[in-house]
Protein backbone atom coordinates (compact mmCIF):
# COMPACT_ATOMS: atom_id res chain seq x y z
CA MET A 1 19.31 27.04 5.75
CA SER A 2 21.42 28.98 2.96
CA THR A 3 22.19 32.70 3.40
CA THR A 4 19.46 33.62 0.86
CA ILE A 5 16.74 31.83 2.73
CA TYR A 6 17.87 33.27 5.96
CA ASN A 7 17.68 36.60 4.44
CA VAL A 8 14.21 36.13 2.93
CA HIS A 9 12.81 35.34 6.45
CA ASP A 10 14.64 37.97 8.27
CA LYS A 11 13.64 40.68 5.63
CA PHE A 12 9.88 39.48 5.69
CA PHE A 13 9.80 39.53 9.72
CA LYS A 14 11.71 42.94 9.94
CA GLU A 15 9.38 44.66 7.35
CA THR A 16 6.42 43.49 9.25
CA PHE A 17 7.76 44.62 12.51
CA LEU A 18 9.03 47.98 11.28
CA HIS A 19 5.58 49.69 12.06
CA LYS A 20 5.02 50.87 15.57
CA GLU A 21 1.19 49.95 15.34
CA THR A 22 2.24 46.45 14.43
CA VAL A 23 4.34 45.96 17.36
CA GLN A 24 1.95 47.59 19.72
CA SER A 25 -1.02 45.22 18.52
CA PHE A 26 1.40 42.15 18.97
CA LEU A 27 2.24 43.15 22.61
CA GLU A 28 -1.52 44.01 23.52
CA ARG A 29 -2.68 40.56 22.33
CA TYR A 30 0.03 37.93 22.52
CA ILE A 31 1.97 38.73 25.87
CA PRO A 32 0.33 37.99 29.13
CA PRO A 33 -2.45 40.41 30.02
CA GLU A 34 -0.85 41.39 33.19
CA MET A 35 2.33 42.49 31.58
CA ALA A 36 0.70 44.32 28.70
CA SER A 37 -1.42 46.27 31.03
CA VAL A 38 1.63 48.05 32.72
CA LEU A 39 3.38 49.00 29.33
CA ASP A 40 2.74 52.58 28.00
CA LEU A 41 2.71 51.35 24.35
CA GLY A 42 2.28 54.77 23.08
CA THR A 43 6.04 55.32 24.14
CA LEU A 44 7.22 52.48 22.08
CA GLN A 45 10.50 53.13 20.35
CA GLU A 46 12.56 50.87 18.00
CA ARG A 47 16.19 50.39 18.82
CA PRO A 48 18.65 49.71 15.90
CA GLU A 49 20.81 47.14 17.57
CA SER A 50 20.89 43.41 16.77
CA PHE A 51 22.63 41.03 19.04
CA ILE A 52 22.61 38.02 17.12
CA GLY A 53 26.14 36.62 15.80
CA LYS A 54 26.68 35.42 12.30
CA ASP A 55 26.81 31.87 13.54
CA LEU A 56 23.36 31.93 14.43
CA LYS A 57 21.83 34.09 11.86
CA GLU A 58 20.29 31.23 9.96
CA TYR A 59 18.16 30.34 13.23
CA PHE A 60 17.09 33.84 14.55
CA SER A 61 16.09 37.31 13.86
CA ASP A 62 15.71 39.94 16.60
CA LYS A 63 14.25 43.44 17.39
CA LEU A 64 14.83 45.51 20.29
CA TYR A 65 12.44 48.11 21.52
CA ARG A 66 12.15 50.46 24.66
CA VAL A 67 8.77 51.45 26.03
CA GLN A 68 7.80 53.51 29.24
CA LEU A 69 6.03 51.77 32.15
CA LYS A 70 2.64 53.11 33.48
CA THR A 71 4.01 54.17 36.74
CA GLY A 72 4.10 58.19 36.44
CA LYS A 73 7.72 58.34 36.38
CA GLU A 74 9.07 59.45 33.03
CA ASP A 75 12.32 57.79 33.38
CA GLU A 76 11.15 54.24 34.38
CA SER A 77 11.15 52.01 30.95
CA ILE A 78 12.11 48.62 29.98
CA PHE A 79 13.37 46.87 26.89
CA VAL A 80 11.21 44.48 24.83
CA TYR A 81 13.34 41.96 22.95
CA ILE A 82 11.62 39.83 20.39
CA LEU A 83 13.69 36.69 19.13
CA PHE A 84 12.13 35.30 15.95
CA GLU A 85 12.84 31.56 15.14
CA HIS A 86 13.39 30.99 11.43
CA LYS A 87 13.50 27.21 11.86
CA SER A 88 10.39 25.19 11.91
CA TYR A 89 11.35 23.05 14.63
CA VAL A 90 11.99 23.51 18.36
CA HIS A 91 15.53 24.92 19.16
CA LYS A 92 16.25 23.24 22.52
CA ASN A 93 19.06 25.86 23.73
CA THR A 94 16.71 28.86 23.11
CA ALA A 95 16.65 29.78 26.96
CA PHE A 96 20.48 29.82 26.85
CA GLN A 97 20.37 31.98 23.58
CA MET A 98 17.97 34.36 25.04
CA LEU A 99 20.15 34.74 28.16
CA HIS A 100 23.13 35.40 26.12
CA TYR A 101 21.24 38.24 24.19
CA MET A 102 19.96 39.70 27.19
CA VAL A 103 23.72 39.84 28.64
CA LYS A 104 24.83 41.46 25.26
CA ILE A 105 22.33 44.16 25.95
CA TRP A 106 23.16 44.94 29.55
CA GLU A 107 26.89 44.77 28.37
CA LYS A 108 26.18 47.59 25.87
CA GLN A 109 24.44 49.55 28.69
CA GLU A 110 27.40 49.10 30.96
CA SER A 111 29.78 50.11 28.18
CA GLN A 112 27.69 53.56 28.05
CA HIS A 113 27.58 53.91 31.77
CA GLU A 114 23.81 53.56 31.75
CA GLU A 115 21.85 51.47 34.70
CA PHE A 116 20.77 48.22 33.82
CA THR A 117 17.11 47.95 32.49
CA VAL A 118 14.59 45.10 32.94
CA ILE A 119 14.04 43.26 29.59
CA LEU A 120 11.03 41.51 28.55
CA PRO A 121 12.11 38.50 26.54
CA ILE A 122 9.81 37.29 23.84
CA VAL A 123 10.29 34.07 21.58
CA PHE A 124 8.38 34.24 18.27
CA TYR A 125 8.05 30.43 17.12
CA GLN A 126 6.38 29.89 13.80
CA GLY A 127 6.81 25.99 13.73
CA LYS A 128 4.00 23.35 13.51
CA GLU A 129 5.13 21.16 16.25
CA PRO A 130 4.35 21.99 19.96
CA TRP A 131 7.10 23.94 21.70
CA THR A 132 9.03 21.56 24.17
CA ALA A 133 12.16 23.49 24.91
CA PRO A 134 13.05 24.54 28.40
CA MET A 135 11.45 28.07 29.07
CA SER A 136 14.38 29.02 31.48
CA MET A 137 18.01 27.98 32.38
CA GLN A 138 16.57 26.43 35.69
CA GLU A 139 14.55 23.87 33.41
CA MET A 140 17.79 23.25 31.31
CA ILE A 141 20.06 22.79 34.27
CA LYS A 142 19.26 19.77 36.57
CA THR A 143 20.02 19.38 40.00
CA GLN A 144 18.15 17.78 42.91
CA VAL A 145 19.73 19.92 45.65
CA PRO A 146 17.60 23.15 46.54
CA GLU A 147 20.49 25.08 47.49
CA MET A 148 22.20 24.55 44.19
CA LYS A 149 19.23 25.52 42.15
CA LYS A 150 19.22 28.96 43.65
CA LEU A 151 22.58 29.51 41.85
CA ILE A 152 20.81 29.06 38.27
CA PRO A 153 19.46 32.19 36.64
CA GLY A 154 15.87 31.90 36.66
CA SER A 155 14.28 34.38 34.33
CA GLU A 156 11.93 32.96 31.85
CA TYR A 157 10.90 34.14 28.32
CA ILE A 158 7.61 34.70 26.99
CA LEU A 159 6.69 32.21 24.13
CA PHE A 160 4.29 33.34 21.17
CA SER A 161 3.70 29.84 19.44
CA LEU A 162 1.71 30.25 15.98
CA SER A 163 0.71 26.62 16.08
CA ALA A 164 -1.18 27.19 19.35
CA LEU A 165 -3.50 29.61 17.70
CA SER A 166 -6.65 28.68 15.78
CA GLN A 167 -7.27 30.82 12.77
CA GLU A 168 -10.01 32.74 14.54
CA GLU A 169 -7.60 33.72 17.35
CA ILE A 170 -5.31 35.44 14.86
CA GLN A 171 -6.35 39.08 15.49
CA GLY A 172 -4.43 42.47 15.45
CA GLU A 173 -4.01 45.35 13.26
CA PRO A 174 -4.22 44.56 9.50
CA LEU A 175 -0.39 44.34 8.81
CA LEU A 176 0.19 41.99 11.75
CA LYS A 177 -3.04 40.02 11.13
CA PHE A 178 -1.99 39.22 7.64
CA TYR A 179 1.55 38.29 8.52
CA LEU A 180 0.37 35.72 11.11
CA ARG A 181 -2.46 34.51 9.09
CA LEU A 182 -0.11 33.95 5.97
CA LEU A 183 2.54 31.95 8.31
CA TRP A 184 -0.67 30.14 9.86
CA GLU A 185 -2.04 29.13 6.45
CA ILE A 186 1.46 28.06 4.99
CA GLN A 187 1.84 25.95 8.34
CA HIS A 188 -1.62 24.31 7.76
CA GLY A 189 -1.19 23.59 3.99
CA ILE A 190 -1.94 26.71 2.05
CA ASP A 191 -4.01 26.68 -1.07
CA TYR A 192 -2.05 29.19 -2.85
CA LYS A 193 -5.06 30.03 -5.10
CA ARG A 194 -6.40 31.76 -1.91
CA LEU A 195 -3.51 34.09 -1.50
CA GLU A 196 -5.63 37.08 -2.90
CA GLU A 197 -8.18 36.48 -0.42
CA ILE A 198 -5.51 36.38 2.59
CA TYR A 199 -4.06 39.65 1.03
CA SER A 200 -7.34 41.52 1.18
CA ILE A 201 -6.73 41.70 5.05
CA LEU A 202 -4.32 44.68 4.10
CA LYS A 203 -7.19 46.64 2.67
CA GLU A 204 -7.90 48.29 6.03
CA THR A 205 -3.95 49.18 6.38
CA PRO A 206 -2.95 52.77 5.47
CA SER A 207 -1.25 52.58 2.04
CA ARG A 208 1.92 54.16 3.59
CA ASP A 209 2.45 50.81 5.65
CA VAL A 210 1.97 48.52 2.71
CA SER A 211 5.07 49.80 1.10
CA LYS A 212 6.90 48.63 -1.94
CA ASP A 213 9.66 47.24 0.26
CA PHE A 214 6.92 45.01 2.13
CA ASN A 215 5.36 43.67 -1.17
CA LYS A 216 8.88 42.72 -2.46
CA ALA A 217 9.68 41.23 0.92
CA LEU A 218 6.46 39.37 0.58
CA ILE A 219 6.94 37.91 -2.89
CA ILE A 220 10.57 36.85 -2.18
CA TYR A 221 9.44 35.11 0.89
CA LEU A 222 6.63 33.18 -1.25
CA LEU A 223 9.10 32.39 -3.86
CA HIS A 224 11.90 31.13 -1.70
CA ALA A 225 10.41 29.82 1.68
CA THR A 226 7.17 28.16 0.18
CA GLU A 227 6.43 25.80 -2.33
CA ILE A 228 4.33 27.90 -4.32
CA ASN A 229 4.67 27.57 -8.24
CA LYS A 230 5.40 30.30 -10.52
CA GLU A 231 1.94 30.26 -12.02
CA ASP A 232 0.01 30.75 -8.87
CA LEU A 233 2.60 33.48 -7.74
CA GLN A 234 2.11 35.25 -11.16
CA GLU A 235 -1.62 35.05 -10.69
CA PHE A 236 -1.38 36.49 -7.34
CA ILE A 237 0.76 39.37 -8.40
CA ASN A 238 -1.51 40.15 -11.26
CA LYS A 239 -4.75 40.21 -9.05
CA THR A 240 -3.53 42.45 -6.17
CA PRO A 241 -2.06 45.83 -6.01
CA VAL A 242 1.41 44.21 -5.84
CA LYS A 243 1.15 44.56 -9.52
CA LYS A 244 1.59 48.30 -9.58
CA GLU A 245 4.88 47.88 -8.03
CA ILE A 246 6.43 44.50 -8.77
CA THR A 247 6.53 41.95 -11.63
CA MET A 248 8.03 38.62 -11.92
CA ALA A 249 10.39 40.09 -14.80
CA SER A 250 11.59 43.08 -12.86
CA LEU A 251 12.20 40.76 -9.62
CA ALA A 252 14.22 38.25 -11.62
CA GLN A 253 16.32 41.11 -13.24
CA GLU A 254 17.15 42.42 -9.95
CA TRP A 255 17.98 39.29 -8.47
CA ARG A 256 20.38 38.25 -11.34
CA GLN A 257 22.19 41.55 -11.17
CA GLU A 258 22.51 41.14 -7.55
CA GLY A 259 24.04 37.73 -8.17
CA ILE A 260 26.50 39.17 -10.77
CA LEU A 261 27.58 42.24 -8.92
CA GLU A 262 28.35 40.20 -5.79
CA GLY A 263 30.79 38.13 -7.88
CA GLU A 264 32.18 41.07 -9.59
CA ARG A 265 32.49 43.02 -6.28
CA LYS A 266 34.54 40.38 -4.54
CA GLY A 267 36.64 39.35 -7.47
CA LYS A 268 37.52 35.92 -6.13
CA LYS A 269 36.30 32.45 -6.51
CA GLU A 270 34.28 32.79 -3.38
CA GLY A 271 32.47 35.70 -4.83
CA LEU A 272 31.85 33.84 -8.12
CA TRP A 273 30.57 30.83 -6.26
CA SER A 274 28.22 33.10 -4.33
CA GLY A 275 27.08 34.85 -7.46
CA ILE A 276 26.50 31.48 -9.06
CA GLU A 277 24.59 30.13 -6.42
CA THR A 278 22.32 33.11 -6.33
CA ILE A 279 21.79 32.91 -9.96
CA LEU A 280 20.92 29.12 -9.80
CA GLU A 281 18.66 29.69 -6.97
CA ILE A 282 16.74 32.45 -8.40
CA LYS A 283 16.29 30.94 -11.99
CA PHE A 284 15.90 27.34 -11.14
CA GLY A 285 15.31 26.79 -7.47
CA GLU A 286 16.19 23.46 -5.70
CA SER A 287 17.00 21.78 -9.10
CA GLY A 288 19.50 24.54 -9.88
CA LEU A 289 21.14 24.31 -6.50
CA LYS A 290 21.80 20.69 -6.92
CA LEU A 291 24.21 21.51 -9.73
CA MET A 292 26.11 23.85 -7.16
CA SER A 293 28.45 21.16 -6.19
CA LYS A 294 29.79 20.69 -9.66
CA PHE A 295 30.71 24.55 -9.64
CA LEU A 296 32.42 24.30 -6.19
CA ARG A 297 34.93 21.92 -7.95
CA ILE A 298 36.18 24.78 -10.42
CA GLU A 299 39.12 26.85 -8.96
CA ASP A 300 40.02 28.65 -12.04
CA ILE A 301 38.56 32.26 -11.68
CA ASN A 302 38.44 32.88 -15.43
CA ILE A 303 36.24 29.88 -16.12
CA LEU A 304 33.90 30.65 -13.11
CA ASP A 305 33.53 34.19 -14.43
CA LYS A 306 32.68 32.88 -17.96
CA LEU A 307 30.15 30.60 -16.51
CA ARG A 308 28.53 33.00 -14.31
CA LEU A 309 27.80 35.45 -17.40
CA SER A 310 26.83 32.49 -19.49
CA LEU A 311 24.17 31.57 -16.87
CA LYS A 312 22.30 34.56 -17.45
CA ARG A 313 21.40 33.34 -20.93
CA THR A 314 20.18 29.77 -19.72
CA GLN A 315 16.42 28.99 -19.67
CA THR A 316 16.45 25.44 -18.16
CA VAL A 317 18.53 23.22 -16.06
CA ASP A 318 19.62 20.87 -19.08
CA ASP A 319 21.19 24.25 -20.42
CA VAL A 320 23.15 24.53 -17.26
CA GLU A 321 24.25 20.89 -17.72
CA VAL A 322 25.27 21.55 -21.28
CA LEU A 323 27.00 24.78 -20.19
CA LEU A 324 28.98 22.76 -17.61
CA GLN A 325 30.23 20.10 -20.27
CA LYS A 326 31.11 22.95 -22.64
CA TYR A 327 33.66 24.51 -20.08
CA LEU A 328 34.54 21.50 -18.09
CA GLY A 329 34.49 18.44 -20.35
CA PRO A 330 32.63 15.09 -19.37
CA SER A 331 35.33 14.04 -16.67
CA LEU A 332 34.51 17.04 -14.40
CA GLN A 333 30.95 17.07 -15.17
CA ALA A 334 30.37 13.54 -14.40
CA GLY A 335 29.16 12.74 -10.76
């Protein structure tokens, strides 16, 4: 998964779970009732920390919250930690990853001289295949000796699996319901001409919650993480309130500018390659990215910079091929 695609999943997930009401609704409906019943969800507070290392950001996003318990004691609270799986397949070491992130949370508490807090760990899985990964380290580490099994950390995470739900079982406040319904429809082979109907779920959502940032994250998600064609996406934008805030032209201009600025800011071939890759992906999708291997063979920063600037004027993949031949000649262009 490219950095761009990771960012698409991450941004859409975080824009949805930005709102307290959305998270409250998710916890009320999709964790075991006996656990939800002891949480005072009105006290839910988001924490800004993320505990995922750069090497695993293409697999996961995370959100951390603190919430009081219904015990009558003001200072008795727990952490709720949601680990979102970007990949559509089962990650077999999720129990280990979850334990690792929980330890990092506790390490931060230790560094701040705080008492350790109970953590409610939740895995949000959007894949279609049934979840088969171990739910705890005790399931991962095999031993036939009972005395040894006691030495293995035993806490389990809670699994939210979208594929386990029917369409009728997808409920919640409008923003959550829309998000889950969209992922579910994509998982089951969505007819993109029905996007307007799905988007209508948001009619009951306060306008302040359906922000420009949310709509932008939605459009970029559809464009990069699904198989929607530009005609269906344009029709969706034209028929919904998204049109008031976002157009295909404005998005394309912004993405192109981001790619250009990235290359200019870094001033080295790595930055130029990154800028070129962004432009190719935004303008031509997978067909454009297939040409990236040819750009990666170019070491001359001046040539890369000229190519980057010239890419802005290309209209088709064939134009890019002609551009490569112009600057590189047939020998390097071949293959």
